[in-house]
């Protein structure tokens, strides 16, 4: 049982790392301020929905990771 939960936790951890790395940065710096007007409405709305889905996925995967960690600590 403990081995199975450890393997699930490992995959959850790797998945969370991947989701976090796929998110775009919140700060775009000077280049984003200069080129920001060139974005169209379509690309902005698409990016926001993808980023919003990734942010929501990060929260749920993080919650699953915490629950798995607590469960593994309770199992002797």
C-alpha atoms as a PDB file:
ATOM      1  CA  UNK A   1       0.000   0.000   0.000  1.00  0.00           C
ATOM      2  CA  UNK A   2       2.743   2.428   0.954  1.00  0.00           C
ATOM      3  CA  UNK A   3       4.726   1.606  -2.181  1.00  0.00           C
ATOM      4  CA  UNK A   4       1.697   2.271  -4.396  1.00  0.00           C
ATOM      5  CA  UNK A   5       1.033   5.641  -2.742  1.00  0.00           C
ATOM      6  CA  UNK A   6       4.693   6.566  -3.076  1.00  0.00           C
ATOM      7  CA  UNK A   7       4.602   5.826  -6.809  1.00  0.00           C
ATOM      8  CA  UNK A   8       1.393   7.857  -7.227  1.00  0.00           C
ATOM      9  CA  UNK A   9       2.985  10.714  -5.294  1.00  0.00           C
ATOM     10  CA  UNK A  10       6.049  10.591  -7.539  1.00  0.00           C
ATOM     11  CA  UNK A  11       3.922  10.853 -10.673  1.00  0.00           C
ATOM     12  CA  UNK A  12       1.865  13.644  -9.083  1.00  0.00           C
ATOM     13  CA  UNK A  13       5.059  15.521  -8.300  1.00  0.00           C
ATOM     14  CA  UNK A  14       6.387  15.161 -11.846  1.00  0.00           C
ATOM     15  CA  UNK A  15       3.028  16.211 -13.300  1.00  0.00           C
ATOM     16  CA  UNK A  16       2.939  19.289 -11.061  1.00  0.00           C
ATOM     17  CA  UNK A  17       6.452  20.269 -12.141  1.00  0.00           C
ATOM     18  CA  UNK A  18       5.398  19.985 -15.777  1.00  0.00           C
ATOM     19  CA  UNK A  19       2.240  22.056 -15.275  1.00  0.00           C
ATOM     20  CA  UNK A  20       4.135  24.800 -13.460  1.00  0.00           C
ATOM     21  CA  UNK A  21       6.788  24.933 -16.172  1.00  0.00           C
ATOM     22  CA  UNK A  22       4.127  25.217 -18.885  1.00  0.00           C
ATOM     23  CA  UNK A  23       2.650  28.359 -17.335  1.00  0.00           C
ATOM     24  CA  UNK A  24       3.677  31.677 -18.770  1.00  0.00           C
ATOM     25  CA  UNK A  25       5.371  34.169 -16.506  1.00  0.00           C
ATOM     26  CA  UNK A  26       3.298  36.861 -14.820  1.00  0.00           C
ATOM     27  CA  UNK A  27       5.987  39.449 -15.508  1.00  0.00           C
ATOM     28  CA  UNK A  28       6.884  40.002 -19.123  1.00  0.00           C
ATOM     29  CA  UNK A  29       9.446  42.742 -18.468  1.00  0.00           C
ATOM     30  CA  UNK A  30      10.361  45.591 -20.790  1.00  0.00           C
ATOM     31  CA  UNK A  31       9.849  43.612 -23.985  1.00  0.00           C
ATOM     32  CA  UNK A  32       6.264  42.875 -22.964  1.00  0.00           C
ATOM     33  CA  UNK A  33       5.579  46.548 -22.316  1.00  0.00           C
ATOM     34  CA  UNK A  34       6.882  47.534 -25.748  1.00  0.00           C
ATOM     35  CA  UNK A  35       5.337  44.715 -27.776  1.00  0.00           C
ATOM     36  CA  UNK A  36       2.170  44.452 -25.702  1.00  0.00           C
ATOM     37  CA  UNK A  37       0.089  46.524 -28.126  1.00  0.00           C
ATOM     38  CA  UNK A  38       0.838  44.175 -30.992  1.00  0.00           C
ATOM     39  CA  UNK A  39      -1.157  41.306 -29.488  1.00  0.00           C
ATOM     40  CA  UNK A  40      -4.594  40.743 -30.902  1.00  0.00           C
ATOM     41  CA  UNK A  41      -7.672  40.102 -28.840  1.00  0.00           C
ATOM     42  CA  UNK A  42      -7.818  36.498 -30.025  1.00  0.00           C
ATOM     43  CA  UNK A  43      -4.310  35.584 -28.875  1.00  0.00           C
ATOM     44  CA  UNK A  44      -4.796  37.325 -25.529  1.00  0.00           C
ATOM     45  CA  UNK A  45      -8.033  35.502 -24.765  1.00  0.00           C
ATOM     46  CA  UNK A  46      -6.552  32.164 -25.820  1.00  0.00           C
ATOM     47  CA  UNK A  47      -3.503  32.683 -23.610  1.00  0.00           C
ATOM     48  CA  UNK A  48      -5.648  33.696 -20.645  1.00  0.00           C
ATOM     49  CA  UNK A  49      -7.821  30.600 -20.881  1.00  0.00           C
ATOM     50  CA  UNK A  50      -4.811  28.281 -21.189  1.00  0.00           C
ATOM     51  CA  UNK A  51      -3.073  30.016 -18.293  1.00  0.00           C
ATOM     52  CA  UNK A  52      -6.253  29.923 -16.229  1.00  0.00           C
ATOM     53  CA  UNK A  53      -6.642  26.184 -16.852  1.00  0.00           C
ATOM     54  CA  UNK A  54      -2.997  25.567 -15.958  1.00  0.00           C
ATOM     55  CA  UNK A  55      -3.339  27.641 -12.772  1.00  0.00           C
ATOM     56  CA  UNK A  56      -6.441  25.696 -11.754  1.00  0.00           C
ATOM     57  CA  UNK A  57      -4.714  22.417 -12.556  1.00  0.00           C
ATOM     58  CA  UNK A  58      -1.723  23.470 -10.434  1.00  0.00           C
ATOM     59  CA  UNK A  59      -3.993  24.063  -7.437  1.00  0.00           C
ATOM     60  CA  UNK A  60      -5.704  20.660  -7.723  1.00  0.00           C
ATOM     61  CA  UNK A  61      -2.493  18.726  -8.337  1.00  0.00           C
ATOM     62  CA  UNK A  62      -0.854  20.559  -5.431  1.00  0.00           C
ATOM     63  CA  UNK A  63      -3.768  19.623  -3.195  1.00  0.00           C
ATOM     64  CA  UNK A  64      -3.483  15.980  -4.272  1.00  0.00           C
ATOM     65  CA  UNK A  65       0.252  16.093  -3.537  1.00  0.00           C
ATOM     66  CA  UNK A  66      -0.344  17.441  -0.028  1.00  0.00           C
ATOM     67  CA  UNK A  67      -3.025  14.829   0.695  1.00  0.00           C
ATOM     68  CA  UNK A  68      -0.759  12.034  -0.554  1.00  0.00           C
ATOM     69  CA  UNK A  69       2.093  13.327   1.585  1.00  0.00           C
ATOM     70  CA  UNK A  70      -0.107  13.396   4.690  1.00  0.00           C
ATOM     71  CA  UNK A  71      -1.446   9.917   3.937  1.00  0.00           C
ATOM     72  CA  UNK A  72       2.070   8.541   3.528  1.00  0.00           C
ATOM     73  CA  UNK A  73       3.086  10.055   6.856  1.00  0.00           C
ATOM     74  CA  UNK A  74       0.122   8.458   8.618  1.00  0.00           C
ATOM     75  CA  UNK A  75       0.817   4.986   7.217  1.00  0.00           C
ATOM     76  CA  UNK A  76       3.299   3.029   9.293  1.00  0.00           C
END
